[in-house]
Amino acid sequence: MPDFEALVRYLVEPFLDTPEALRLDCERLSGGKRLWIRVAFDGEDKGRVFGRGGRNIQAIRKVVRATAKLSDCSVNLDVYGESAHEGNGSGGRSRGGPTRARHRSSQDRPRRRSS
């Protein structure tokens, strides 16, 4: 079985200002076929680890899950203090994505009064 603790450390540490603050807890379940990894780090690093819209943490989770699938096991990666909306990759936004500024058309412009 791969060293998932080392893999997670390798994937998360580049985002941290203080990599030595990273804490990992690995719990093996079901005879080692399931692994639960919990990570904790300084709050200032949270934005970089999660990334815009949760992209970084989701990419890290995908790599860990793909590695687990190759080893015929399953792995869950949780971040200490993570709220529900951060974990789903939406970053608190609606599924429709960010709103965009609307361009004004000639119909939207105020009309000049003739004197």
C-alpha atoms as a PDB file:
ATOM      1  CA  MET A   1       0.000   0.000   0.000  1.00  0.00           C
ATOM      2  CA  PRO A   2       1.318   3.493  -0.849  1.00  0.00           C
ATOM      3  CA  ASP A   3       2.454   5.853   1.866  1.00  0.00           C
ATOM      4  CA  PHE A   4      -0.582   8.149   1.770  1.00  0.00           C
ATOM      5  CA  GLU A   5       0.720  10.291   4.605  1.00  0.00           C
ATOM      6  CA  ALA A   6       3.838  11.137   2.587  1.00  0.00           C
ATOM      7  CA  LEU A   7       1.731  11.719  -0.539  1.00  0.00           C
ATOM      8  CA  VAL A   8      -0.587  14.176   1.224  1.00  0.00           C
ATOM      9  CA  ARG A   9       2.377  15.914   2.830  1.00  0.00           C
ATOM     10  CA  TYR A  10       4.028  16.206  -0.613  1.00  0.00           C
ATOM     11  CA  LEU A  11       0.869  17.686  -2.167  1.00  0.00           C
ATOM     12  CA  VAL A  12      -0.081  20.111   0.641  1.00  0.00           C
ATOM     13  CA  GLU A  13       3.271  21.462   1.884  1.00  0.00           C
ATOM     14  CA  PRO A  14       4.025  23.647  -1.192  1.00  0.00           C
ATOM     15  CA  PHE A  15       0.952  25.750  -0.340  1.00  0.00           C
ATOM     16  CA  LEU A  16       2.046  26.388   3.260  1.00  0.00           C
ATOM     17  CA  ASP A  17       4.131  29.283   4.584  1.00  0.00           C
ATOM     18  CA  THR A  18       5.128  27.087   7.517  1.00  0.00           C
ATOM     19  CA  PRO A  19       5.197  23.461   6.311  1.00  0.00           C
ATOM     20  CA  GLU A  20       6.267  22.270   9.762  1.00  0.00           C
ATOM     21  CA  ALA A  21       2.829  23.370  11.044  1.00  0.00           C
ATOM     22  CA  LEU A  22       1.133  20.659   8.956  1.00  0.00           C
ATOM     23  CA  ARG A  23      -0.424  17.961  11.129  1.00  0.00           C
ATOM     24  CA  LEU A  24      -1.635  14.641   9.712  1.00  0.00           C
ATOM     25  CA  ASP A  25      -3.719  11.948  11.356  1.00  0.00           C
ATOM     26  CA  CYS A  26      -4.228   8.654   9.510  1.00  0.00           C
ATOM     27  CA  GLU A  27      -6.811   6.122  10.644  1.00  0.00           C
ATOM     28  CA  ARG A  28      -7.018   2.697   9.002  1.00  0.00           C
ATOM     29  CA  LEU A  29     -10.425   1.008   8.874  1.00  0.00           C
ATOM     30  CA  SER A  30     -11.783  -2.309   7.533  1.00  0.00           C
ATOM     31  CA  GLY A  31      -8.497  -4.156   7.748  1.00  0.00           C
ATOM     32  CA  GLY A  32      -6.543  -1.413   6.004  1.00  0.00           C
ATOM     33  CA  LYS A  33      -8.794  -1.209   2.922  1.00  0.00           C
ATOM     34  CA  ARG A  34     -10.179   2.166   4.018  1.00  0.00           C
ATOM     35  CA  LEU A  35      -8.093   5.080   5.184  1.00  0.00           C
ATOM     36  CA  TRP A  36      -9.237   8.315   6.769  1.00  0.00           C
ATOM     37  CA  ILE A  37      -6.694  11.154   6.618  1.00  0.00           C
ATOM     38  CA  ARG A  38      -7.232  14.364   8.548  1.00  0.00           C
ATOM     39  CA  VAL A  39      -4.972  17.365   7.959  1.00  0.00           C
ATOM     40  CA  ALA A  40      -4.586  20.554   9.950  1.00  0.00           C
ATOM     41  CA  PHE A  41      -2.471  23.631   9.299  1.00  0.00           C
ATOM     42  CA  ASP A  42      -2.278  27.317  10.218  1.00  0.00           C
ATOM     43  CA  GLY A  43      -5.372  29.349   9.392  1.00  0.00           C
ATOM     44  CA  GLU A  44      -3.391  31.848   7.309  1.00  0.00           C
ATOM     45  CA  ASP A  45      -2.581  29.077   4.820  1.00  0.00           C
ATOM     46  CA  LYS A  46      -6.181  27.985   4.357  1.00  0.00           C
ATOM     47  CA  GLY A  47      -6.834  30.196   1.327  1.00  0.00           C
ATOM     48  CA  ARG A  48      -3.811  28.895  -0.547  1.00  0.00           C
ATOM     49  CA  VAL A  49      -4.495  25.246   0.261  1.00  0.00           C
ATOM     50  CA  PHE A  50      -8.143  25.484  -0.799  1.00  0.00           C
ATOM     51  CA  GLY A  51      -7.502  27.755  -3.771  1.00  0.00           C
ATOM     52  CA  ARG A  52     -10.064  29.731  -5.718  1.00  0.00           C
ATOM     53  CA  GLY A  53     -13.370  27.917  -5.553  1.00  0.00           C
ATOM     54  CA  GLY A  54     -11.742  25.002  -3.716  1.00  0.00           C
ATOM     55  CA  ARG A  55      -9.796  23.926  -6.803  1.00  0.00           C
ATOM     56  CA  ASN A  56      -6.523  23.114  -5.047  1.00  0.00           C
ATOM     57  CA  ILE A  57      -8.013  20.921  -2.320  1.00  0.00           C
ATOM     58  CA  GLN A  58     -10.215  19.135  -4.843  1.00  0.00           C
ATOM     59  CA  ALA A  59      -7.184  18.406  -7.045  1.00  0.00           C
ATOM     60  CA  ILE A  60      -5.304  17.057  -4.024  1.00  0.00           C
ATOM     61  CA  ARG A  61      -8.268  14.832  -3.149  1.00  0.00           C
ATOM     62  CA  LYS A  62      -8.459  13.534  -6.735  1.00  0.00           C
ATOM     63  CA  VAL A  63      -4.790  12.532  -6.722  1.00  0.00           C
ATOM     64  CA  VAL A  64      -5.194  10.771  -3.371  1.00  0.00           C
ATOM     65  CA  ARG A  65      -8.363   8.949  -4.512  1.00  0.00           C
ATOM     66  CA  ALA A  66      -6.766   7.892  -7.811  1.00  0.00           C
ATOM     67  CA  THR A  67      -3.761   6.506  -5.941  1.00  0.00           C
ATOM     68  CA  ALA A  68      -6.087   4.650  -3.582  1.00  0.00           C
ATOM     69  CA  LYS A  69      -8.037   3.186  -6.483  1.00  0.00           C
ATOM     70  CA  LEU A  70      -4.812   1.781  -7.942  1.00  0.00           C
ATOM     71  CA  SER A  71      -4.213   0.068  -4.594  1.00  0.00           C
ATOM     72  CA  ASP A  72      -7.792  -1.252  -4.393  1.00  0.00           C
ATOM     73  CA  CYS A  73      -8.670   0.770  -1.311  1.00  0.00           C
ATOM     74  CA  SER A  74     -10.530   3.974  -0.498  1.00  0.00           C
ATOM     75  CA  VAL A  75      -9.234   7.133   1.143  1.00  0.00           C
ATOM     76  CA  ASN A  76     -11.061  10.129   2.597  1.00  0.00           C
ATOM     77  CA  LEU A  77      -9.149  13.377   3.061  1.00  0.00           C
ATOM     78  CA  ASP A  78     -10.609  15.860   5.547  1.00  0.00           C
ATOM     79  CA  VAL A  79      -9.293  19.274   6.509  1.00  0.00           C
ATOM     80  CA  TYR A  80      -9.706  20.248  10.138  1.00  0.00           C
ATOM     81  CA  GLY A  81     -12.070  23.202  10.411  1.00  0.00           C
ATOM     82  CA  GLU A  82     -13.429  22.815   6.874  1.00  0.00           C
ATOM     83  CA  SER A  83     -17.056  23.847   6.480  1.00  0.00           C
ATOM     84  CA  ALA A  84     -19.499  21.959   4.270  1.00  0.00           C
ATOM     85  CA  HIS A  85     -19.460  24.450   1.383  1.00  0.00           C
ATOM     86  CA  GLU A  86     -15.658  24.433   1.175  1.00  0.00           C
ATOM     87  CA  GLY A  87     -15.509  20.695   0.813  1.00  0.00           C
ATOM     88  CA  ASN A  88     -17.763  20.465  -2.215  1.00  0.00           C
ATOM     89  CA  GLY A  89     -15.527  22.564  -4.426  1.00  0.00           C
ATOM     90  CA  SER A  90     -18.020  25.357  -4.968  1.00  0.00           C
ATOM     91  CA  GLY A  91     -16.264  27.760  -2.628  1.00  0.00           C
ATOM     92  CA  GLY A  92     -19.610  29.064  -1.403  1.00  0.00           C
ATOM     93  CA  ARG A  93     -20.766  30.152  -4.852  1.00  0.00           C
ATOM     94  CA  SER A  94     -23.860  28.955  -6.576  1.00  0.00           C
ATOM     95  CA  ARG A  95     -23.428  26.394  -9.325  1.00  0.00           C
ATOM     96  CA  GLY A  96     -24.029  29.097 -11.921  1.00  0.00           C
ATOM     97  CA  GLY A  97     -20.595  30.584 -11.350  1.00  0.00           C
ATOM     98  CA  PRO A  98     -19.648  34.189 -10.747  1.00  0.00           C
ATOM     99  CA  THR A  99     -21.913  36.934 -11.936  1.00  0.00           C
ATOM    100  CA  ARG A 100     -20.615  39.075 -14.750  1.00  0.00           C
ATOM    101  CA  ALA A 101     -21.050  42.779 -15.287  1.00  0.00           C
ATOM    102  CA  ARG A 102     -23.628  43.529 -17.919  1.00  0.00           C
ATOM    103  CA  HIS A 103     -22.640  45.685 -20.857  1.00  0.00           C
ATOM    104  CA  ARG A 104     -24.852  48.648 -21.521  1.00  0.00           C
ATOM    105  CA  SER A 105     -26.647  48.683 -24.799  1.00  0.00           C
ATOM    106  CA  SER A 106     -27.867  51.803 -26.556  1.00  0.00           C
ATOM    107  CA  GLN A 107     -31.329  51.106 -25.167  1.00  0.00           C
ATOM    108  CA  ASP A 108     -30.045  51.265 -21.574  1.00  0.00           C
ATOM    109  CA  ARG A 109     -28.510  54.717 -21.947  1.00  0.00           C
ATOM    110  CA  PRO A 110     -30.485  57.744 -20.802  1.00  0.00           C
ATOM    111  CA  ARG A 111     -31.821  59.828 -23.650  1.00  0.00           C
ATOM    112  CA  ARG A 112     -30.816  63.437 -24.087  1.00  0.00           C
ATOM    113  CA  ARG A 113     -33.506  66.031 -24.012  1.00  0.00           C
ATOM    114  CA  SER A 114     -33.543  68.381 -26.916  1.00  0.00           C
ATOM    115  CA  SER A 115     -33.844  72.048 -26.022  1.00  0.00           C
END
